[in-house]
Amino acid sequence: MMMVGLAGFGGEAQASSAGMPEFKKPAQAFSWEGLFGKHDKAALKRGWQVFHDVCSNCHAMKLVSYRNLADIGFTDDEIKAFAAEKEVPDQPNDEGVVNNRPARPSDRIVAPFPNEKAAQAANGGALPPDLSLMNKARPNGPNYVYSLMLGYEDAAPEGHAIPEGKFFNHYFPGNAISMPSPIMDDIVSYADGTKATKEQVAYDIVTFLNWAAEPELDARKSLGVKVMVFLGVLTALMYALKRQIWKDLH
């Protein structure tokens, strides 16, 4: 399971009033931060592996198509293989019968449950939120999600009564979350050989969720830098032209 109950978290004010600790930050800053930052393709691939192997058992990503994975470096054959693992309803045949077919790259990532009622029934009444925009669901979303992944305790601290079926998490408002700890050391075996510590897994899934929520970030930053360089050069040329035109009057 991953992130059951995240859809209902409050804002910054609620988090502060609840006396929640300051969010954790990874030892290495997220690669996309800063003016020249961009998504780390290796981390994106690892993050997809975490989503594919762990998160997708409970969570949907309705706004992302399989073919979008080409943007993070997967080949057409790899994308076709990911899609073909799932089935989706086909068009009705001549008799009006709807059969299933293997998913295609053009299909959205297939949800683990056919509807919300089925998802709730499988998760003790809690509805696992869609993860497409999770990193944009609140201010400082990446650090919140990273902290939440690493904020579980085996037992609630003294003075924190946690209802049956809930789990203690330092960073979830109210500290009682429906989702058990979704990650642990070596929960996946990374294809690139990276050691899958809890911190690494949390970093990678947050990176992937950030790309899912903001896939245009890299292109936008690249364009912004080019525009700033162009404006700088244009300003210098205009200043030189002004000096040349008015030099006899100064």
C-alpha atoms as a PDB file:
ATOM      1  CA  MET A   1       0.000   0.000   0.000  1.00  0.00           C
ATOM      2  CA  MET A   2       1.061   3.569  -0.489  1.00  0.00           C
ATOM      3  CA  MET A   3      -0.384   6.918   0.574  1.00  0.00           C
ATOM      4  CA  VAL A   4      -3.867   5.799   1.621  1.00  0.00           C
ATOM      5  CA  GLY A   5      -5.493   8.862   3.158  1.00  0.00           C
ATOM      6  CA  LEU A   6      -3.201  11.465   1.642  1.00  0.00           C
ATOM      7  CA  ALA A   7      -6.085  13.032  -0.227  1.00  0.00           C
ATOM      8  CA  GLY A   8      -7.501  14.395   3.005  1.00  0.00           C
ATOM      9  CA  PHE A   9      -4.479  16.080   4.542  1.00  0.00           C
ATOM     10  CA  GLY A  10      -4.710  19.697   5.608  1.00  0.00           C
ATOM     11  CA  GLY A  11      -2.672  22.740   4.699  1.00  0.00           C
ATOM     12  CA  GLU A  12       0.426  24.272   6.221  1.00  0.00           C
ATOM     13  CA  ALA A  13      -1.524  26.038   8.955  1.00  0.00           C
ATOM     14  CA  GLN A  14      -3.155  22.821  10.101  1.00  0.00           C
ATOM     15  CA  ALA A  15       0.166  21.017  10.059  1.00  0.00           C
ATOM     16  CA  SER A  16       1.781  23.713  12.201  1.00  0.00           C
ATOM     17  CA  SER A  17      -1.084  23.912  14.670  1.00  0.00           C
ATOM     18  CA  ALA A  18      -0.901  20.159  15.157  1.00  0.00           C
ATOM     19  CA  GLY A  19       2.683  20.542  16.372  1.00  0.00           C
ATOM     20  CA  MET A  20       4.097  18.437  13.561  1.00  0.00           C
ATOM     21  CA  PRO A  21       7.889  18.317  13.191  1.00  0.00           C
ATOM     22  CA  GLU A  22       9.704  20.121  10.416  1.00  0.00           C
ATOM     23  CA  PHE A  23       9.709  18.126   7.196  1.00  0.00           C
ATOM     24  CA  LYS A  24      12.627  15.869   6.424  1.00  0.00           C
ATOM     25  CA  LYS A  25      14.834  16.728   3.463  1.00  0.00           C
ATOM     26  CA  PRO A  26      16.969  14.236   1.539  1.00  0.00           C
ATOM     27  CA  ALA A  27      20.704  14.325   2.107  1.00  0.00           C
ATOM     28  CA  GLN A  28      21.080  15.335  -1.528  1.00  0.00           C
ATOM     29  CA  ALA A  29      18.700  18.083  -2.657  1.00  0.00           C
ATOM     30  CA  PHE A  30      16.086  17.124  -5.214  1.00  0.00           C
ATOM     31  CA  SER A  31      17.657  17.460  -8.636  1.00  0.00           C
ATOM     32  CA  TRP A  32      14.939  19.695 -10.085  1.00  0.00           C
ATOM     33  CA  GLU A  33      15.333  22.431  -7.456  1.00  0.00           C
ATOM     34  CA  GLY A  34      16.931  25.737  -8.348  1.00  0.00           C
ATOM     35  CA  LEU A  35      17.040  27.807 -11.514  1.00  0.00           C
ATOM     36  CA  PHE A  36      19.022  25.259 -13.495  1.00  0.00           C
ATOM     37  CA  GLY A  37      17.609  22.122 -11.869  1.00  0.00           C
ATOM     38  CA  LYS A  38      16.030  19.329 -13.865  1.00  0.00           C
ATOM     39  CA  HIS A  39      14.685  15.862 -13.238  1.00  0.00           C
ATOM     40  CA  ASP A  40      17.294  13.136 -12.833  1.00  0.00           C
ATOM     41  CA  LYS A  41      16.449  10.546 -15.514  1.00  0.00           C
ATOM     42  CA  ALA A  42      18.018   7.699 -13.524  1.00  0.00           C
ATOM     43  CA  ALA A  43      15.965   8.616 -10.441  1.00  0.00           C
ATOM     44  CA  LEU A  44      12.840   8.886 -12.613  1.00  0.00           C
ATOM     45  CA  LYS A  45      13.349   5.364 -13.927  1.00  0.00           C
ATOM     46  CA  ARG A  46      13.910   4.049 -10.426  1.00  0.00           C
ATOM     47  CA  GLY A  47      10.839   5.941  -9.245  1.00  0.00           C
ATOM     48  CA  TRP A  48       8.754   4.323 -11.958  1.00  0.00           C
ATOM     49  CA  GLN A  49      10.033   0.948 -10.792  1.00  0.00           C
ATOM     50  CA  VAL A  50       8.892   1.757  -7.236  1.00  0.00           C
ATOM     51  CA  PHE A  51       5.495   2.867  -8.492  1.00  0.00           C
ATOM     52  CA  HIS A  52       5.188  -0.149 -10.773  1.00  0.00           C
ATOM     53  CA  ASP A  53       6.272  -2.715  -8.181  1.00  0.00           C
ATOM     54  CA  VAL A  54       4.811  -1.191  -5.008  1.00  0.00           C
ATOM     55  CA  CYS A  55       2.494   1.797  -5.326  1.00  0.00           C
ATOM     56  CA  SER A  56       0.415   0.595  -8.269  1.00  0.00           C
ATOM     57  CA  ASN A  57      -0.955  -2.259  -6.178  1.00  0.00           C
ATOM     58  CA  CYS A  58      -3.241   0.285  -4.495  1.00  0.00           C
ATOM     59  CA  HIS A  59      -2.926   3.608  -6.313  1.00  0.00           C
ATOM     60  CA  ALA A  60      -3.953   4.900  -9.714  1.00  0.00           C
ATOM     61  CA  MET A  61      -2.250   7.518 -11.861  1.00  0.00           C
ATOM     62  CA  LYS A  62      -5.116   8.521 -14.117  1.00  0.00           C
ATOM     63  CA  LEU A  63      -3.486  11.546 -15.758  1.00  0.00           C
ATOM     64  CA  VAL A  64      -0.406   9.717 -17.061  1.00  0.00           C
ATOM     65  CA  SER A  65      -0.339   7.536 -20.174  1.00  0.00           C
ATOM     66  CA  TYR A  66       2.135   4.734 -20.706  1.00  0.00           C
ATOM     67  CA  ARG A  67       3.548   6.545 -23.738  1.00  0.00           C
ATOM     68  CA  ASN A  68       4.506   9.471 -21.475  1.00  0.00           C
ATOM     69  CA  LEU A  69       7.190   7.212 -20.021  1.00  0.00           C
ATOM     70  CA  ALA A  70       9.207   7.880 -23.175  1.00  0.00           C
ATOM     71  CA  ASP A  71       9.943  11.301 -21.680  1.00  0.00           C
ATOM     72  CA  ILE A  72      11.931   9.706 -18.863  1.00  0.00           C
ATOM     73  CA  GLY A  73      14.008   7.485 -21.118  1.00  0.00           C
ATOM     74  CA  PHE A  74      12.087   4.253 -21.678  1.00  0.00           C
ATOM     75  CA  THR A  75      12.109   2.749 -25.156  1.00  0.00           C
ATOM     76  CA  ASP A  76       9.022   1.999 -27.226  1.00  0.00           C
ATOM     77  CA  ASP A  77       9.441  -1.728 -26.616  1.00  0.00           C
ATOM     78  CA  GLU A  78       9.734  -1.224 -22.854  1.00  0.00           C
ATOM     79  CA  ILE A  79       6.632   0.946 -22.830  1.00  0.00           C
ATOM     80  CA  LYS A  80       4.654  -1.591 -24.848  1.00  0.00           C
ATOM     81  CA  ALA A  81       5.701  -4.274 -22.376  1.00  0.00           C
ATOM     82  CA  PHE A  82       4.608  -2.180 -19.372  1.00  0.00           C
ATOM     83  CA  ALA A  83       1.227  -1.515 -20.965  1.00  0.00           C
ATOM     84  CA  ALA A  84       0.660  -5.116 -22.056  1.00  0.00           C
ATOM     85  CA  GLU A  85       0.869  -6.283 -18.445  1.00  0.00           C
ATOM     86  CA  LYS A  86      -2.627  -4.858 -17.907  1.00  0.00           C
ATOM     87  CA  GLU A  87      -5.982  -5.256 -19.613  1.00  0.00           C
ATOM     88  CA  VAL A  88      -8.603  -2.631 -20.381  1.00  0.00           C
ATOM     89  CA  PRO A  89     -12.145  -2.848 -21.810  1.00  0.00           C
ATOM     90  CA  ASP A  90     -12.198  -2.935 -25.602  1.00  0.00           C
ATOM     91  CA  GLN A  91     -14.850  -1.442 -27.865  1.00  0.00           C
ATOM     92  CA  PRO A  92     -18.134  -3.405 -27.988  1.00  0.00           C
ATOM     93  CA  ASN A  93     -18.152  -6.060 -30.699  1.00  0.00           C
ATOM     94  CA  ASP A  94     -20.967  -6.572 -33.219  1.00  0.00           C
ATOM     95  CA  GLU A  95     -23.040  -8.306 -30.531  1.00  0.00           C
ATOM     96  CA  GLY A  96     -22.495  -5.497 -28.067  1.00  0.00           C
ATOM     97  CA  VAL A  97     -20.204  -7.575 -25.872  1.00  0.00           C
ATOM     98  CA  VAL A  98     -17.270  -5.751 -24.300  1.00  0.00           C
ATOM     99  CA  ASN A  99     -14.155  -7.881 -24.012  1.00  0.00           C
ATOM    100  CA  ASN A 100     -10.846  -6.953 -22.491  1.00  0.00           C
ATOM    101  CA  ARG A 101      -7.689  -6.304 -24.495  1.00  0.00           C
ATOM    102  CA  PRO A 102      -4.080  -5.706 -23.505  1.00  0.00           C
ATOM    103  CA  ALA A 103      -3.434  -2.061 -22.702  1.00  0.00           C
ATOM    104  CA  ARG A 104      -1.567   0.021 -25.280  1.00  0.00           C
ATOM    105  CA  PRO A 105       0.965   2.830 -24.882  1.00  0.00           C
ATOM    106  CA  SER A 106      -1.824   5.324 -25.642  1.00  0.00           C
ATOM    107  CA  ASP A 107      -3.853   4.126 -22.641  1.00  0.00           C
ATOM    108  CA  ARG A 108      -3.682   5.809 -19.265  1.00  0.00           C
ATOM    109  CA  ILE A 109      -1.861   3.839 -16.579  1.00  0.00           C
ATOM    110  CA  VAL A 110      -4.352   1.180 -15.552  1.00  0.00           C
ATOM    111  CA  ALA A 111      -5.778   1.554 -12.053  1.00  0.00           C
ATOM    112  CA  PRO A 112      -5.519  -1.408  -9.666  1.00  0.00           C
ATOM    113  CA  PHE A 113      -9.259  -1.410  -8.913  1.00  0.00           C
ATOM    114  CA  PRO A 114     -12.256  -1.137 -11.246  1.00  0.00           C
ATOM    115  CA  ASN A 115     -13.929   1.595  -9.168  1.00  0.00           C
ATOM    116  CA  GLU A 116     -13.696   3.532  -5.911  1.00  0.00           C
ATOM    117  CA  LYS A 117     -15.986   1.169  -3.998  1.00  0.00           C
ATOM    118  CA  ALA A 118     -13.738  -1.768  -4.847  1.00  0.00           C
ATOM    119  CA  ALA A 119     -10.680   0.244  -3.796  1.00  0.00           C
ATOM    120  CA  GLN A 120     -12.252   1.125  -0.453  1.00  0.00           C
ATOM    121  CA  ALA A 121     -13.372  -2.455   0.165  1.00  0.00           C
ATOM    122  CA  ALA A 122      -9.808  -3.672  -0.380  1.00  0.00           C
ATOM    123  CA  ASN A 123      -8.290  -1.033   1.909  1.00  0.00           C
ATOM    124  CA  GLY A 124     -10.426  -1.150   5.023  1.00  0.00           C
ATOM    125  CA  GLY A 125     -12.722   1.645   3.882  1.00  0.00           C
ATOM    126  CA  ALA A 126      -9.943   4.097   3.002  1.00  0.00           C
ATOM    127  CA  LEU A 127      -9.722   5.298  -0.590  1.00  0.00           C
ATOM    128  CA  PRO A 128      -6.151   5.313  -1.946  1.00  0.00           C
ATOM    129  CA  PRO A 129      -5.772   8.685  -3.674  1.00  0.00           C
ATOM    130  CA  ASP A 130      -4.701   9.061  -7.272  1.00  0.00           C
ATOM    131  CA  LEU A 131      -1.001   9.933  -7.378  1.00  0.00           C
ATOM    132  CA  SER A 132      -0.920  11.936 -10.618  1.00  0.00           C
ATOM    133  CA  LEU A 133      -0.776  15.321  -8.869  1.00  0.00           C
ATOM    134  CA  MET A 134       0.258  14.243  -5.387  1.00  0.00           C
ATOM    135  CA  ASN A 135       3.368  16.439  -5.281  1.00  0.00           C
ATOM    136  CA  LYS A 136       1.185  19.457  -6.087  1.00  0.00           C
ATOM    137  CA  ALA A 137      -1.495  18.655  -3.531  1.00  0.00           C
ATOM    138  CA  ARG A 138      -0.043  21.001  -0.921  1.00  0.00           C
ATOM    139  CA  PRO A 139       2.768  23.559  -0.506  1.00  0.00           C
ATOM    140  CA  ASN A 140       6.165  21.930  -0.109  1.00  0.00           C
ATOM    141  CA  GLY A 141       4.633  18.732  -1.429  1.00  0.00           C
ATOM    142  CA  PRO A 142       7.864  16.905  -2.335  1.00  0.00           C
ATOM    143  CA  ASN A 143       9.304  17.290   1.155  1.00  0.00           C
ATOM    144  CA  TYR A 144       5.954  16.357   2.699  1.00  0.00           C
ATOM    145  CA  VAL A 145       5.675  13.139   0.701  1.00  0.00           C
ATOM    146  CA  TYR A 146       9.343  12.320   1.356  1.00  0.00           C
ATOM    147  CA  SER A 147       8.833  12.903   5.073  1.00  0.00           C
ATOM    148  CA  LEU A 148       5.634  10.874   5.163  1.00  0.00           C
ATOM    149  CA  MET A 149       7.373   7.892   3.577  1.00  0.00           C
ATOM    150  CA  LEU A 150       9.997   7.958   6.338  1.00  0.00           C
ATOM    151  CA  GLY A 151       7.793   9.120   9.209  1.00  0.00           C
ATOM    152  CA  TYR A 152       6.454   5.811  10.534  1.00  0.00           C
ATOM    153  CA  GLU A 153       7.146   4.347  13.963  1.00  0.00           C
ATOM    154  CA  ASP A 154       6.611   0.727  14.957  1.00  0.00           C
ATOM    155  CA  ALA A 155       4.692   1.952  17.995  1.00  0.00           C
ATOM    156  CA  ALA A 156       3.047   5.274  18.732  1.00  0.00           C
ATOM    157  CA  PRO A 157       4.879   7.479  21.261  1.00  0.00           C
ATOM    158  CA  GLU A 158       3.398   7.769  24.703  1.00  0.00           C
ATOM    159  CA  GLY A 159       0.359  10.020  24.727  1.00  0.00           C
ATOM    160  CA  HIS A 160      -0.624   9.313  21.110  1.00  0.00           C
ATOM    161  CA  ALA A 161      -3.670   7.072  20.994  1.00  0.00           C
ATOM    162  CA  ILE A 162      -3.917   5.508  17.540  1.00  0.00           C
ATOM    163  CA  PRO A 163      -7.250   3.859  16.582  1.00  0.00           C
ATOM    164  CA  GLU A 164      -7.263   0.219  15.616  1.00  0.00           C
ATOM    165  CA  GLY A 165      -6.399  -0.236  11.953  1.00  0.00           C
ATOM    166  CA  LYS A 166      -4.409   3.028  11.841  1.00  0.00           C
ATOM    167  CA  PHE A 167      -0.663   3.617  11.942  1.00  0.00           C
ATOM    168  CA  PHE A 168       1.413   6.304  13.600  1.00  0.00           C
ATOM    169  CA  ASN A 169       3.197   8.738  11.300  1.00  0.00           C
ATOM    170  CA  HIS A 170       5.015  11.850  12.508  1.00  0.00           C
ATOM    171  CA  TYR A 171       4.079  13.904   9.437  1.00  0.00           C
ATOM    172  CA  PHE A 172       0.465  12.966   8.785  1.00  0.00           C
ATOM    173  CA  PRO A 173      -1.988  15.475  10.339  1.00  0.00           C
ATOM    174  CA  GLY A 174      -3.311  13.865  13.476  1.00  0.00           C
ATOM    175  CA  ASN A 175      -0.559  11.214  13.205  1.00  0.00           C
ATOM    176  CA  ALA A 176      -3.059   8.395  12.514  1.00  0.00           C
ATOM    177  CA  ILE A 177      -2.865   7.204   8.902  1.00  0.00           C
ATOM    178  CA  SER A 178      -4.693   4.326   7.239  1.00  0.00           C
ATOM    179  CA  MET A 179      -1.696   3.251   5.181  1.00  0.00           C
ATOM    180  CA  PRO A 180       0.917   0.967   6.702  1.00  0.00           C
ATOM    181  CA  SER A 181       4.520   1.866   6.041  1.00  0.00           C
ATOM    182  CA  PRO A 182       4.853   1.423   2.250  1.00  0.00           C
ATOM    183  CA  ILE A 183       8.626   1.193   1.967  1.00  0.00           C
ATOM    184  CA  MET A 184      11.535  -0.575   3.598  1.00  0.00           C
ATOM    185  CA  ASP A 185      15.121  -1.315   2.731  1.00  0.00           C
ATOM    186  CA  ASP A 186      15.385  -3.489  -0.382  1.00  0.00           C
ATOM    187  CA  ILE A 187      11.658  -3.423  -1.095  1.00  0.00           C
ATOM    188  CA  VAL A 188      12.681  -3.311  -4.765  1.00  0.00           C
ATOM    189  CA  SER A 189      15.757  -4.532  -6.592  1.00  0.00           C
ATOM    190  CA  TYR A 190      16.793  -1.630  -8.793  1.00  0.00           C
ATOM    191  CA  ALA A 191      17.557  -2.496 -12.380  1.00  0.00           C
ATOM    192  CA  ASP A 192      20.545  -0.111 -12.393  1.00  0.00           C
ATOM    193  CA  GLY A 193      22.100  -1.694  -9.309  1.00  0.00           C
ATOM    194  CA  THR A 194      21.455   1.238  -6.960  1.00  0.00           C
ATOM    195  CA  LYS A 195      21.112   0.141  -3.334  1.00  0.00           C
ATOM    196  CA  ALA A 196      17.450   0.417  -2.387  1.00  0.00           C
ATOM    197  CA  THR A 197      17.620   1.970   1.073  1.00  0.00           C
ATOM    198  CA  LYS A 198      14.431   3.479   2.464  1.00  0.00           C
ATOM    199  CA  GLU A 199      15.826   6.954   1.885  1.00  0.00           C
ATOM    200  CA  GLN A 200      16.743   6.133  -1.721  1.00  0.00           C
ATOM    201  CA  VAL A 201      13.325   4.614  -2.427  1.00  0.00           C
ATOM    202  CA  ALA A 202      11.594   7.656  -0.926  1.00  0.00           C
ATOM    203  CA  TYR A 203      13.779  10.012  -2.980  1.00  0.00           C
ATOM    204  CA  ASP A 204      13.098   8.135  -6.195  1.00  0.00           C
ATOM    205  CA  ILE A 205       9.318   7.850  -5.814  1.00  0.00           C
ATOM    206  CA  VAL A 206       9.078  11.547  -4.918  1.00  0.00           C
ATOM    207  CA  THR A 207      11.119  12.372  -8.025  1.00  0.00           C
ATOM    208  CA  PHE A 208       8.795  10.282 -10.185  1.00  0.00           C
ATOM    209  CA  LEU A 209       5.690  11.840  -8.632  1.00  0.00           C
ATOM    210  CA  ASN A 210       7.116  15.302  -9.230  1.00  0.00           C
ATOM    211  CA  TRP A 211       7.610  14.521 -12.914  1.00  0.00           C
ATOM    212  CA  ALA A 212       4.067  13.125 -13.115  1.00  0.00           C
ATOM    213  CA  ALA A 213       2.665  16.318 -11.602  1.00  0.00           C
ATOM    214  CA  GLU A 214       4.909  18.662 -13.601  1.00  0.00           C
ATOM    215  CA  PRO A 215       6.193  16.906 -16.729  1.00  0.00           C
ATOM    216  CA  GLU A 216       6.902  20.195 -18.485  1.00  0.00           C
ATOM    217  CA  LEU A 217       9.299  21.429 -15.761  1.00  0.00           C
ATOM    218  CA  ASP A 218      12.542  20.602 -17.576  1.00  0.00           C
ATOM    219  CA  ALA A 219      11.399  22.169 -20.853  1.00  0.00           C
ATOM    220  CA  ARG A 220      10.069  25.241 -19.049  1.00  0.00           C
ATOM    221  CA  LYS A 221      13.310  25.830 -17.185  1.00  0.00           C
ATOM    222  CA  SER A 222      15.373  25.296 -20.332  1.00  0.00           C
ATOM    223  CA  LEU A 223      13.240  27.812 -22.208  1.00  0.00           C
ATOM    224  CA  GLY A 224      13.433  30.264 -19.312  1.00  0.00           C
ATOM    225  CA  VAL A 225      17.244  30.154 -19.302  1.00  0.00           C
ATOM    226  CA  LYS A 226      17.348  30.687 -23.081  1.00  0.00           C
ATOM    227  CA  VAL A 227      14.966  33.646 -22.783  1.00  0.00           C
ATOM    228  CA  MET A 228      17.078  35.226 -20.032  1.00  0.00           C
ATOM    229  CA  VAL A 229      20.257  34.813 -22.101  1.00  0.00           C
ATOM    230  CA  PHE A 230      18.505  36.313 -25.135  1.00  0.00           C
ATOM    231  CA  LEU A 231      17.244  39.278 -23.122  1.00  0.00           C
ATOM    232  CA  GLY A 232      20.708  39.820 -21.663  1.00  0.00           C
ATOM    233  CA  VAL A 233      22.317  39.869 -25.108  1.00  0.00           C
ATOM    234  CA  LEU A 234      19.549  42.100 -26.488  1.00  0.00           C
ATOM    235  CA  THR A 235      19.979  44.553 -23.601  1.00  0.00           C
ATOM    236  CA  ALA A 236      23.726  44.740 -24.229  1.00  0.00           C
ATOM    237  CA  LEU A 237      23.198  45.332 -27.957  1.00  0.00           C
ATOM    238  CA  MET A 238      20.587  48.042 -27.341  1.00  0.00           C
ATOM    239  CA  TYR A 239      22.878  49.762 -24.870  1.00  0.00           C
ATOM    240  CA  ALA A 240      25.758  49.664 -27.344  1.00  0.00           C
ATOM    241  CA  LEU A 241      23.468  51.026 -30.066  1.00  0.00           C
ATOM    242  CA  LYS A 242      22.291  53.833 -27.805  1.00  0.00           C
ATOM    243  CA  ARG A 243      25.901  54.779 -27.027  1.00  0.00           C
ATOM    244  CA  GLN A 244      26.738  54.805 -30.714  1.00  0.00           C
ATOM    245  CA  ILE A 245      23.736  56.960 -31.696  1.00  0.00           C
ATOM    246  CA  TRP A 246      24.112  59.505 -28.909  1.00  0.00           C
ATOM    247  CA  LYS A 247      27.915  59.595 -28.636  1.00  0.00           C
ATOM    248  CA  ASP A 248      28.220  63.036 -30.318  1.00  0.00           C
ATOM    249  CA  LEU A 249      25.775  64.575 -27.839  1.00  0.00           C
ATOM    250  CA  HIS A 250      27.586  63.447 -24.690  1.00  0.00           C
END
